[in-house]
């Protein structure tokens, strides 16, 4: 069986014929206009050989949809990348992917040019922006007859995503044609009930796997409308978007929900009444935040977890079943199990590594057999996330396997400490407990906090009264914010490297 992902998605667009399929900056793009733009652009791309890679350093605008689908139409593999990516990372991705084409946000083109010059694979004639008014715009390419669809087998590679690089250089995850079709069916439709009646607004951007499903695949395949915002998210513009667009499905991350609760912009409560689903992923949702949001809006936040390697969410709460502090149950179509030391756990309440079997083939990492064999085994993806399964079949998150460390010879689970601290001290917005070598090269802990400095005494009291001695940090540092990587995730490795200077041996 051969088919085209682009044809499948454009057929869904035609079937739903949404008059406001995409809304961006107050303007609406109909399903008909979107299809026409894709077909025109695909004709311009038809001279490029299929199976080549094209990097997309684009903001969330309709052009992202046009370009991604046009590339897929002719068999070129789209590779979304953060438009703000740092130059060393971009150089790595260019050389690793051997991309022949790049389409860059015009605001970023001059900044990234030094990295583009490094790649011997990138054709100078195939460096474009998505600005129709610019000299090297992809939309100024000569028009051509719309080409025939490039057909592939279901498990053939359709697009790539790069991991966030929290444990080394970003790795290219290859996604098959069937991956996001199945993820949309099982998660967006069967779990959340998204359909043509919905209006979607996702704070996470489309260069991020979570946002790519939310703002690209889900609306185009289900007929739901979607709001795009090309600005970097702030609480003010998030609140304005909610107020003006009145979404029915809102995708966020815990920090966004926490900041909305903290600032509570005028008119927010009224605007939020149109939302039927609040969803959160990207990091674990504290039980206290779930409870506070439910008290504020009358509705829960549905927490879930996914990964770049699987494409989207595979474990989630649902509108019919949700619990504070729980990550929910397996999304239909996915199988989950817990392992410890390579063996499945027989006791459900034990903590083990979560393993996932998806309803579609997982292709692993591009040209990286060692790490592919480490993470993908016998049809299962080994997430590195630690969970327990409760007697009712729900899962509770305990942190990352590679984030546990020993202090004074005893295991420390930093996530458990951080969650307890956030629940206990409301004026602490974020915190990270790091392991670092002390003057004698023994492990000690550093606590990084975001919040009011006058909480130090309260935090100290919590630590002394509610934690065991091996959890107690040698030092606490208050920061304006915690640094994040290009995908918006905390990198404990980078934080550890940056703050190790605090524990260098002191010279006499």
Protein backbone atom coordinates (compact mmCIF):
# COMPACT_ATOMS: atom_id res chain seq x y z
CA UNK A 1 0.00 0.00 0.00
CA UNK A 2 1.33 3.40 -1.00
CA UNK A 3 -0.12 6.79 -0.11
CA UNK A 4 0.81 10.43 0.48
CA UNK A 5 0.56 12.11 3.87
CA UNK A 6 0.03 15.46 2.12
CA UNK A 7 -2.82 14.07 0.01
CA UNK A 8 -4.46 12.59 3.11
CA UNK A 9 -4.28 15.91 4.94
CA UNK A 10 -5.49 17.98 2.00
CA UNK A 11 -8.38 15.56 1.49
CA UNK A 12 -9.37 16.09 5.12
CA UNK A 13 -9.19 19.86 4.57
CA UNK A 14 -11.44 19.58 1.50
CA UNK A 15 -13.90 17.38 3.38
CA UNK A 16 -14.30 19.82 6.27
CA UNK A 17 -13.97 23.00 4.16
CA UNK A 18 -13.47 25.20 7.24
CA UNK A 19 -13.92 28.89 6.30
CA UNK A 20 -11.50 29.95 9.09
CA UNK A 21 -9.15 26.98 9.17
CA UNK A 22 -6.28 29.20 10.34
CA UNK A 23 -6.56 32.55 12.12
CA UNK A 24 -3.42 34.68 12.40
CA UNK A 25 -3.14 38.38 13.20
CA UNK A 26 -6.89 38.82 12.81
CA UNK A 27 -6.99 37.34 9.30
CA UNK A 28 -8.59 34.02 8.39
CA UNK A 29 -7.29 31.43 5.95
CA UNK A 30 -9.95 29.10 4.58
CA UNK A 31 -9.33 25.44 3.87
CA UNK A 32 -9.76 26.22 0.16
CA UNK A 33 -7.11 28.96 0.19
CA UNK A 34 -4.72 26.78 2.17
CA UNK A 35 -5.07 23.97 -0.39
CA UNK A 36 -4.49 26.35 -3.30
CA UNK A 37 -1.36 27.82 -1.71
CA UNK A 38 0.05 24.35 -1.06
CA UNK A 39 -0.53 23.21 -4.62
CA UNK A 40 1.09 26.33 -6.10
CA UNK A 41 4.13 26.01 -3.85
CA UNK A 42 4.45 22.27 -4.48
CA UNK A 43 4.69 23.04 -8.20
CA UNK A 44 7.63 25.35 -7.49
CA UNK A 45 9.34 22.62 -5.43
CA UNK A 46 8.83 19.88 -8.02
CA UNK A 47 12.34 20.27 -9.47
CA UNK A 48 14.00 19.19 -6.20
CA UNK A 49 14.70 15.47 -5.81
CA UNK A 50 12.45 13.60 -3.34
CA UNK A 51 13.80 12.29 0.00
CA UNK A 52 16.06 15.35 0.47
CA UNK A 53 15.77 17.27 3.74
CA UNK A 54 14.62 20.88 4.09
CA UNK A 55 15.07 22.80 7.36
CA UNK A 56 12.20 25.09 8.41
CA UNK A 57 13.26 27.87 10.80
CA UNK A 58 9.82 29.43 10.83
CA UNK A 59 7.51 31.19 13.25
CA UNK A 60 3.92 30.07 13.75
CA UNK A 61 2.25 31.54 10.65
CA UNK A 62 0.12 30.11 7.83
CA UNK A 63 3.29 29.95 5.71
CA UNK A 64 4.49 27.10 7.94
CA UNK A 65 1.45 25.03 6.89
CA UNK A 66 1.83 25.92 3.20
CA UNK A 67 5.53 25.05 3.12
CA UNK A 68 5.39 21.86 5.19
CA UNK A 69 2.54 20.41 3.12
CA UNK A 70 4.07 21.51 -0.20
CA UNK A 71 7.36 19.80 0.67
CA UNK A 72 5.52 16.64 1.71
CA UNK A 73 3.53 16.72 -1.54
CA UNK A 74 6.69 16.29 -3.64
CA UNK A 75 8.43 13.93 -1.22
CA UNK A 76 10.91 16.34 0.40
CA UNK A 77 11.34 15.72 4.15
CA UNK A 78 10.47 18.80 6.28
CA UNK A 79 12.61 19.32 9.40
CA UNK A 80 11.14 22.00 11.75
CA UNK A 81 13.73 23.79 13.88
CA UNK A 82 13.44 26.61 16.42
CA UNK A 83 13.94 29.87 14.45
CA UNK A 84 15.93 31.15 17.43
CA UNK A 85 18.29 28.16 17.41
CA UNK A 86 21.85 29.00 18.44
CA UNK A 87 24.49 28.82 15.70
CA UNK A 88 26.51 25.82 16.99
CA UNK A 89 23.31 23.76 17.21
CA UNK A 90 22.23 24.88 13.74
CA UNK A 91 25.63 23.93 12.33
CA UNK A 92 25.26 20.49 13.87
CA UNK A 93 21.76 20.03 12.43
CA UNK A 94 22.80 21.22 8.95
CA UNK A 95 25.73 18.82 8.82
CA UNK A 96 23.87 15.94 10.46
CA UNK A 97 20.78 16.20 8.23
CA UNK A 98 22.68 17.09 5.04
CA UNK A 99 19.75 19.37 4.23
CA UNK A 100 19.84 20.84 0.71
CA UNK A 101 17.25 23.54 1.42
CA UNK A 102 16.48 25.93 4.26
CA UNK A 103 13.58 28.34 4.69
CA UNK A 104 14.22 30.92 7.40
CA UNK A 105 12.17 33.55 9.12
CA UNK A 106 13.31 36.87 7.61
CA UNK A 107 14.10 38.32 11.05
CA UNK A 108 16.63 35.53 11.61
CA UNK A 109 18.28 35.23 8.19
CA UNK A 110 21.25 37.56 8.78
CA UNK A 111 21.91 36.05 12.20
CA UNK A 112 22.10 32.47 10.91
CA UNK A 113 24.10 33.13 7.72
CA UNK A 114 27.49 32.21 9.32
CA UNK A 115 26.09 28.77 10.18
CA UNK A 116 24.69 28.29 6.68
CA UNK A 117 28.14 28.85 5.17
CA UNK A 118 29.49 25.85 7.09
CA UNK A 119 27.37 23.25 5.29
CA UNK A 120 28.69 21.80 2.00
CA UNK A 121 25.30 20.19 1.39
CA UNK A 122 23.14 23.32 1.45
CA UNK A 123 22.55 24.75 -2.01
CA UNK A 124 23.01 28.57 -2.10
CA UNK A 125 20.09 28.68 -4.55
CA UNK A 126 17.82 26.98 -2.02
CA UNK A 127 18.13 29.45 0.87
CA UNK A 128 14.79 31.23 1.23
CA UNK A 129 12.64 33.25 3.60
CA UNK A 130 8.87 32.99 3.97
CA UNK A 131 8.35 36.74 3.44
CA UNK A 132 6.41 37.24 0.17
CA UNK A 133 7.92 40.74 -0.18
CA UNK A 134 11.55 39.62 0.18
CA UNK A 135 13.94 39.08 -2.73
CA UNK A 136 14.66 35.47 -1.84
CA UNK A 137 11.15 34.50 -0.81
CA UNK A 138 10.02 30.94 -1.32
CA UNK A 139 6.78 32.45 -2.62
CA UNK A 140 8.60 34.19 -5.49
CA UNK A 141 9.67 30.91 -7.08
CA UNK A 142 8.39 30.46 -10.65
CA UNK A 143 4.94 28.94 -10.76
CA UNK A 144 4.56 25.47 -12.23
CA UNK A 145 1.82 22.95 -12.76
CA UNK A 146 0.86 21.20 -9.55
CA UNK A 147 2.82 17.93 -9.45
CA UNK A 148 1.53 14.44 -8.81
CA UNK A 149 1.73 13.34 -5.19
CA UNK A 150 4.85 11.47 -4.14
CA UNK A 151 3.64 8.15 -2.75
CA UNK A 152 5.35 6.21 0.03
CA UNK A 153 4.64 3.15 2.14
CA UNK A 154 2.93 3.89 5.50
CA UNK A 155 6.12 3.34 7.51
CA UNK A 156 8.28 5.41 5.13
CA UNK A 157 9.78 8.58 6.60
CA UNK A 158 7.70 11.73 6.06
CA UNK A 159 9.30 14.31 8.39
CA UNK A 160 11.96 14.70 11.06
CA UNK A 161 12.15 16.37 14.44
CA UNK A 162 15.28 17.04 16.46
CA UNK A 163 15.33 16.21 20.15
CA UNK A 164 15.88 19.06 22.57
CA UNK A 165 19.45 18.00 23.28
CA UNK A 166 19.12 17.89 27.09
CA UNK A 167 21.54 14.95 27.20
CA UNK A 168 23.98 15.86 24.42
CA UNK A 169 23.73 17.06 20.84
CA UNK A 170 20.23 17.00 19.31
CA UNK A 171 19.32 13.73 17.63
CA UNK A 172 17.17 13.48 14.49
CA UNK A 173 13.99 11.49 15.12
CA UNK A 174 12.48 10.10 11.92
CA UNK A 175 8.68 9.99 11.75
CA UNK A 176 6.73 7.78 9.41
CA UNK A 177 3.73 8.83 7.34
CA UNK A 178 1.38 6.97 9.65
CA UNK A 179 2.75 8.37 12.94
CA UNK A 180 0.78 11.61 13.28
CA UNK A 181 -2.29 10.22 11.53
CA UNK A 182 -2.52 7.60 14.30
CA UNK A 183 -1.58 10.10 17.05
CA UNK A 184 -4.34 12.44 15.88
CA UNK A 185 -6.89 9.65 15.79
CA UNK A 186 -6.03 8.15 19.18
CA UNK A 187 -5.16 11.25 21.20
CA UNK A 188 -6.81 14.29 19.61
CA UNK A 189 -10.04 12.57 18.58
CA UNK A 190 -10.53 9.55 20.86
CA UNK A 191 -9.02 11.00 24.07
CA UNK A 192 -9.81 14.73 23.82
CA UNK A 193 -12.75 14.59 21.41
CA UNK A 194 -11.42 17.34 19.12
CA UNK A 195 -13.55 17.94 16.03
CA UNK A 196 -14.79 20.58 13.53
CA UNK A 197 -16.65 22.38 16.31
CA UNK A 198 -13.41 23.28 18.10
CA UNK A 199 -11.03 26.24 18.04
CA UNK A 200 -7.49 25.30 19.08
CA UNK A 201 -4.88 27.57 20.63
CA UNK A 202 -1.48 26.12 21.48
CA UNK A 203 1.12 28.17 23.36
CA UNK A 204 3.94 25.70 22.47
CA UNK A 205 5.20 26.48 18.98
CA UNK A 206 5.22 24.19 15.95
CA UNK A 207 8.99 23.70 15.88
CA UNK A 208 8.38 21.71 19.10
CA UNK A 209 6.78 18.25 18.66
CA UNK A 210 3.99 19.02 21.15
CA UNK A 211 3.07 22.20 19.27
CA UNK A 212 3.37 20.58 15.82
CA UNK A 213 0.62 18.14 16.70
CA UNK A 214 -1.53 20.79 18.38
CA UNK A 215 -1.40 23.51 15.72
CA UNK A 216 -0.65 21.60 12.52
CA UNK A 217 -1.83 17.99 12.42
CA UNK A 218 -4.80 18.13 14.80
CA UNK A 219 -6.69 21.05 13.21
CA UNK A 220 -5.97 20.08 9.61
CA UNK A 221 -7.00 16.46 10.10
CA UNK A 222 -10.05 17.05 12.34
CA UNK A 223 -11.41 20.23 10.75
CA UNK A 224 -10.95 22.28 13.93
CA UNK A 225 -9.90 25.90 13.52
CA UNK A 226 -6.52 26.98 14.90
CA UNK A 227 -5.06 30.26 16.12
CA UNK A 228 -1.43 30.99 15.21
CA UNK A 229 0.67 33.67 16.89
CA UNK A 230 4.10 34.45 15.44
CA UNK A 231 5.15 36.37 18.57
CA UNK A 232 7.17 34.74 21.34
CA UNK A 233 4.65 33.97 24.10
CA UNK A 234 4.17 36.36 26.99
CA UNK A 235 1.36 36.28 29.52
CA UNK A 236 -0.07 39.49 28.05
CA UNK A 237 -0.33 38.17 24.49
CA UNK A 238 -1.51 34.74 25.67
CA UNK A 239 -4.32 36.42 27.62
CA UNK A 240 -5.14 38.67 24.64
CA UNK A 241 -5.29 35.66 22.31
CA UNK A 242 -7.64 33.83 24.66
CA UNK A 243 -9.83 36.91 24.96
CA UNK A 244 -10.12 37.58 21.21
CA UNK A 245 -10.14 34.04 19.80
CA UNK A 246 -12.21 32.31 22.51
CA UNK A 247 -10.56 28.88 22.03
CA UNK A 248 -12.37 25.73 23.06
CA UNK A 249 -9.13 23.70 23.38
CA UNK A 250 -6.08 25.26 25.03
CA UNK A 251 -2.66 23.58 25.02
CA UNK A 252 -0.12 24.91 27.49
CA UNK A 253 2.70 23.94 29.84
CA UNK A 254 2.69 24.13 33.65
CA UNK A 255 4.62 27.41 33.73
CA UNK A 256 2.00 29.14 31.53
CA UNK A 257 -0.83 28.03 33.79
CA UNK A 258 1.10 29.12 36.88
CA UNK A 259 1.82 32.57 35.42
CA UNK A 260 -1.81 33.06 34.33
CA UNK A 261 -2.88 32.27 37.89
CA UNK A 262 -0.29 34.61 39.33
CA UNK A 263 -1.04 37.60 37.09
CA UNK A 264 -4.77 36.99 36.42
CA UNK A 265 -5.17 39.57 33.61
CA UNK A 266 -8.45 41.46 33.53
CA UNK A 267 -11.28 39.59 31.80
CA UNK A 268 -9.38 36.29 31.84
CA UNK A 269 -11.94 34.31 33.85
CA UNK A 270 -14.75 35.27 31.47
CA UNK A 271 -12.71 34.43 28.36
CA UNK A 272 -11.66 31.07 29.79
CA UNK A 273 -15.28 29.96 30.15
CA UNK A 274 -15.31 29.13 26.41
CA UNK A 275 -12.51 26.58 26.89
CA UNK A 276 -13.74 23.03 27.37
CA UNK A 277 -10.28 21.41 27.52
CA UNK A 278 -7.17 22.72 29.24
CA UNK A 279 -4.23 20.45 28.48
CA UNK A 280 -0.67 20.46 29.79
CA UNK A 281 2.51 18.60 28.78
CA UNK A 282 6.22 19.34 28.47
CA UNK A 283 6.86 18.88 32.19
CA UNK A 284 4.94 17.35 35.07
CA UNK A 285 1.91 19.25 36.39
CA UNK A 286 2.03 19.77 40.19
CA UNK A 287 -1.08 18.62 42.03
CA UNK A 288 -1.32 22.03 43.70
CA UNK A 289 -1.46 23.77 40.33
CA UNK A 290 -4.22 21.42 39.17
CA UNK A 291 -6.26 22.21 42.29
CA UNK A 292 -5.67 25.97 42.13
CA UNK A 293 -6.62 26.13 38.42
CA UNK A 294 -9.77 24.09 39.02
CA UNK A 295 -10.78 26.46 41.82
CA UNK A 296 -10.07 29.46 39.57
CA UNK A 297 -11.89 28.27 36.41
CA UNK A 298 -14.12 25.44 37.55
CA UNK A 299 -12.34 23.10 35.11
CA UNK A 300 -9.34 20.79 35.44
CA UNK A 301 -6.04 20.83 33.58
CA UNK A 302 -5.53 17.48 31.86
CA UNK A 303 -1.92 16.41 32.29
CA UNK A 304 -0.17 14.11 29.82
CA UNK A 305 3.24 13.04 28.62
CA UNK A 306 4.70 12.31 25.21
CA UNK A 307 8.09 12.47 23.55
CA UNK A 308 9.77 13.59 20.36
CA UNK A 309 10.61 9.93 19.71
CA UNK A 310 6.95 8.86 19.63
CA UNK A 311 5.59 12.01 17.99
CA UNK A 312 3.07 13.12 20.59
CA UNK A 313 1.18 12.21 23.79
CA UNK A 314 0.86 8.52 24.70
CA UNK A 315 -0.17 8.77 28.39
CA UNK A 316 -2.86 11.21 29.47
CA UNK A 317 -5.72 12.22 31.65
CA UNK A 318 -8.99 12.68 29.77
CA UNK A 319 -12.14 14.80 30.14
CA UNK A 320 -13.88 11.76 31.64
CA UNK A 321 -11.04 10.72 33.97
CA UNK A 322 -8.57 13.07 35.63
CA UNK A 323 -6.80 13.21 38.98
CA UNK A 324 -4.50 15.75 40.61
CA UNK A 325 -0.88 14.57 40.54
CA UNK A 326 -1.59 11.77 38.06
CA UNK A 327 -0.42 11.51 34.44
CA UNK A 328 -3.48 9.42 33.64
CA UNK A 329 -3.90 6.24 31.60
CA UNK A 330 -2.44 4.99 28.31
CA UNK A 331 -3.90 6.70 25.23
CA UNK A 332 -5.91 4.18 23.21
CA UNK A 333 -3.74 2.30 20.73
CA UNK A 334 -0.60 2.51 22.91
CA UNK A 335 0.76 -0.22 25.19
CA UNK A 336 2.77 0.71 28.30
CA UNK A 337 4.81 -1.29 30.75
CA UNK A 338 7.27 -0.60 33.56
CA UNK A 339 10.70 -2.20 33.72
CA UNK A 340 13.44 -2.31 36.33
CA UNK A 341 16.92 -3.66 35.55
CA UNK A 342 15.63 -4.97 32.23
CA UNK A 343 12.74 -6.96 33.71
CA UNK A 344 9.01 -6.07 33.69
CA UNK A 345 7.71 -5.14 37.14
CA UNK A 346 5.22 -7.52 38.69
CA UNK A 347 4.27 -5.19 41.56
CA UNK A 348 2.27 -2.31 40.09
CA UNK A 349 3.17 0.08 42.89
CA UNK A 350 6.91 -0.25 42.30
CA UNK A 351 8.76 2.48 40.40
CA UNK A 352 10.23 1.54 37.04
CA UNK A 353 11.16 2.89 33.62
CA UNK A 354 8.18 3.53 31.36
CA UNK A 355 8.30 1.67 28.04
CA UNK A 356 5.92 2.45 25.17
CA UNK A 357 4.74 0.44 22.17
CA UNK A 358 3.01 2.71 19.66
CA UNK A 359 0.39 1.70 17.07
CA UNK A 360 2.82 2.72 14.30
CA UNK A 361 6.41 1.87 13.47
CA UNK A 362 9.11 3.87 15.26
CA UNK A 363 12.09 4.45 12.99
CA UNK A 364 14.61 5.59 15.60
CA UNK A 365 17.39 8.13 15.20
CA UNK A 366 18.95 9.09 11.88
CA UNK A 367 22.30 7.36 11.35
CA UNK A 368 22.75 6.66 15.07
CA UNK A 369 22.47 2.89 15.55
CA UNK A 370 24.05 2.91 19.03
CA UNK A 371 21.52 5.27 20.61
CA UNK A 372 18.70 3.79 18.52
CA UNK A 373 19.46 0.34 19.93
CA UNK A 374 19.60 1.78 23.45
CA UNK A 375 16.18 3.44 23.25
CA UNK A 376 14.24 1.30 20.74
CA UNK A 377 14.11 -2.43 21.51
CA UNK A 378 11.79 -5.14 20.16
CA UNK A 379 9.15 -2.61 19.16
CA UNK A 380 9.29 -0.76 22.52
CA UNK A 381 10.57 2.77 23.16
CA UNK A 382 12.41 3.14 26.49
CA UNK A 383 11.48 6.64 27.68
CA UNK A 384 13.93 7.06 30.58
CA UNK A 385 10.96 8.32 32.65
CA UNK A 386 10.24 6.72 36.02
CA UNK A 387 6.64 5.92 36.90
CA UNK A 388 4.55 3.78 39.17
CA UNK A 389 1.18 2.35 38.16
CA UNK A 390 -1.63 2.64 40.69
CA UNK A 391 -4.23 -0.07 41.32
CA UNK A 392 -6.78 1.84 39.18
CA UNK A 393 -4.47 1.74 36.15
CA UNK A 394 -3.28 5.35 36.30
CA UNK A 395 0.40 6.30 36.25
CA UNK A 396 2.31 8.62 38.59
CA UNK A 397 5.53 10.32 37.51
CA UNK A 398 8.70 10.07 39.61
CA UNK A 399 11.26 11.82 37.44
CA UNK A 400 13.93 10.92 34.91
CA UNK A 401 16.06 7.84 35.36
CA UNK A 402 19.18 9.83 34.46
CA UNK A 403 18.32 12.60 36.95
CA UNK A 404 18.50 10.47 40.10
CA UNK A 405 21.74 10.79 42.04
CA UNK A 406 23.28 9.74 45.34
CA UNK A 407 24.17 12.11 48.17
CA UNK A 408 25.84 10.74 51.29
CA UNK A 409 25.39 7.30 49.77
CA UNK A 410 21.59 7.62 49.53
CA UNK A 411 19.38 8.09 46.49
CA UNK A 412 17.94 11.56 45.79
CA UNK A 413 14.89 12.04 43.57
CA UNK A 414 15.09 15.76 42.66
CA UNK A 415 11.62 15.85 41.08
CA UNK A 416 9.94 14.59 44.26
CA UNK A 417 11.78 17.24 46.29
CA UNK A 418 10.93 20.00 43.80
CA UNK A 419 7.26 19.05 43.66
CA UNK A 420 6.98 18.95 47.46
CA UNK A 421 8.67 22.35 47.78
CA UNK A 422 6.40 23.97 45.19
CA UNK A 423 3.35 22.58 47.00
CA UNK A 424 4.60 23.81 50.38
CA UNK A 425 5.81 27.33 49.48
CA UNK A 426 3.38 29.14 47.19
CA UNK A 427 5.67 32.10 46.46
CA UNK A 428 8.30 29.85 44.86
CA UNK A 429 7.47 29.69 41.14
CA UNK A 430 10.14 27.21 40.00
CA UNK A 431 12.98 25.28 41.56
CA UNK A 432 15.69 22.82 40.54
CA UNK A 433 17.78 20.63 42.85
CA UNK A 434 21.18 19.87 41.28
CA UNK A 435 23.94 17.46 42.19
CA UNK A 436 27.44 18.92 42.07
CA UNK A 437 30.89 17.90 43.32
CA UNK A 438 32.05 19.70 46.46
CA UNK A 439 35.61 20.68 47.42
CA UNK A 440 36.47 17.04 48.12
CA UNK A 441 34.80 15.83 44.92
CA UNK A 442 31.88 14.38 46.86
CA UNK A 443 28.30 14.95 45.73
CA UNK A 444 26.42 17.81 47.33
CA UNK A 445 23.29 19.65 46.26
CA UNK A 446 22.51 23.15 45.02
CA UNK A 447 18.97 24.53 45.04
CA UNK A 448 18.05 27.07 42.35
CA UNK A 449 14.85 29.04 42.95
CA UNK A 450 12.65 31.50 41.07
CA UNK A 451 10.40 33.53 43.32
CA UNK A 452 10.43 36.08 46.08
CA UNK A 453 13.75 36.30 47.94
CA UNK A 454 11.92 36.73 51.24
CA UNK A 455 10.83 33.09 50.99
CA UNK A 456 14.31 31.92 52.03
CA UNK A 457 13.31 31.38 55.66
CA UNK A 458 10.16 29.49 54.67
CA UNK A 459 12.11 27.32 52.22
CA UNK A 460 14.74 26.63 54.88
CA UNK A 461 12.05 25.66 57.37
CA UNK A 462 10.46 23.28 54.83
CA UNK A 463 13.84 21.67 54.12
CA UNK A 464 14.68 21.22 57.79
CA UNK A 465 11.29 19.89 58.83
CA UNK A 466 10.10 17.91 55.81
CA UNK A 467 13.15 16.41 54.07
CA UNK A 468 15.80 13.88 54.93
CA UNK A 469 19.33 15.11 55.55
CA UNK A 470 20.80 13.87 52.25
CA UNK A 471 18.35 16.11 50.33
CA UNK A 472 19.43 19.30 52.09
CA UNK A 473 21.24 21.71 49.75
CA UNK A 474 24.59 23.17 50.60
CA UNK A 475 23.51 26.47 49.05
CA UNK A 476 20.36 28.19 47.71
CA UNK A 477 20.45 30.67 44.83
CA UNK A 478 17.57 32.89 43.72
CA UNK A 479 17.39 33.63 39.96
CA UNK A 480 15.12 35.90 37.87
CA UNK A 481 14.34 32.85 35.70
CA UNK A 482 15.71 29.42 34.94
CA UNK A 483 17.61 29.16 31.65
CA UNK A 484 16.09 26.86 29.02
CA UNK A 485 17.31 25.28 25.82
CA UNK A 486 16.10 25.95 22.28
CA UNK A 487 12.98 23.81 22.81
CA UNK A 488 12.05 25.60 26.02
CA UNK A 489 13.11 22.75 28.31
CA UNK A 490 15.31 22.93 31.38
CA UNK A 491 18.69 21.34 30.79
CA UNK A 492 20.06 20.03 34.06
CA UNK A 493 23.32 19.23 32.30
CA UNK A 494 23.80 22.88 31.29
CA UNK A 495 22.74 24.12 34.72
CA UNK A 496 25.15 21.72 36.38
CA UNK A 497 28.03 22.91 34.20
CA UNK A 498 27.18 26.57 34.71
CA UNK A 499 26.89 26.43 38.50
CA UNK A 500 29.74 24.04 39.24
CA UNK A 501 31.91 27.11 39.84
CA UNK A 502 30.10 27.54 43.16
CA UNK A 503 31.71 24.36 44.40
CA UNK A 504 35.26 24.68 43.10
CA UNK A 505 37.94 24.13 45.76
CA UNK A 506 38.67 27.35 47.58
CA UNK A 507 42.33 28.40 47.45
CA UNK A 508 43.98 29.69 50.60
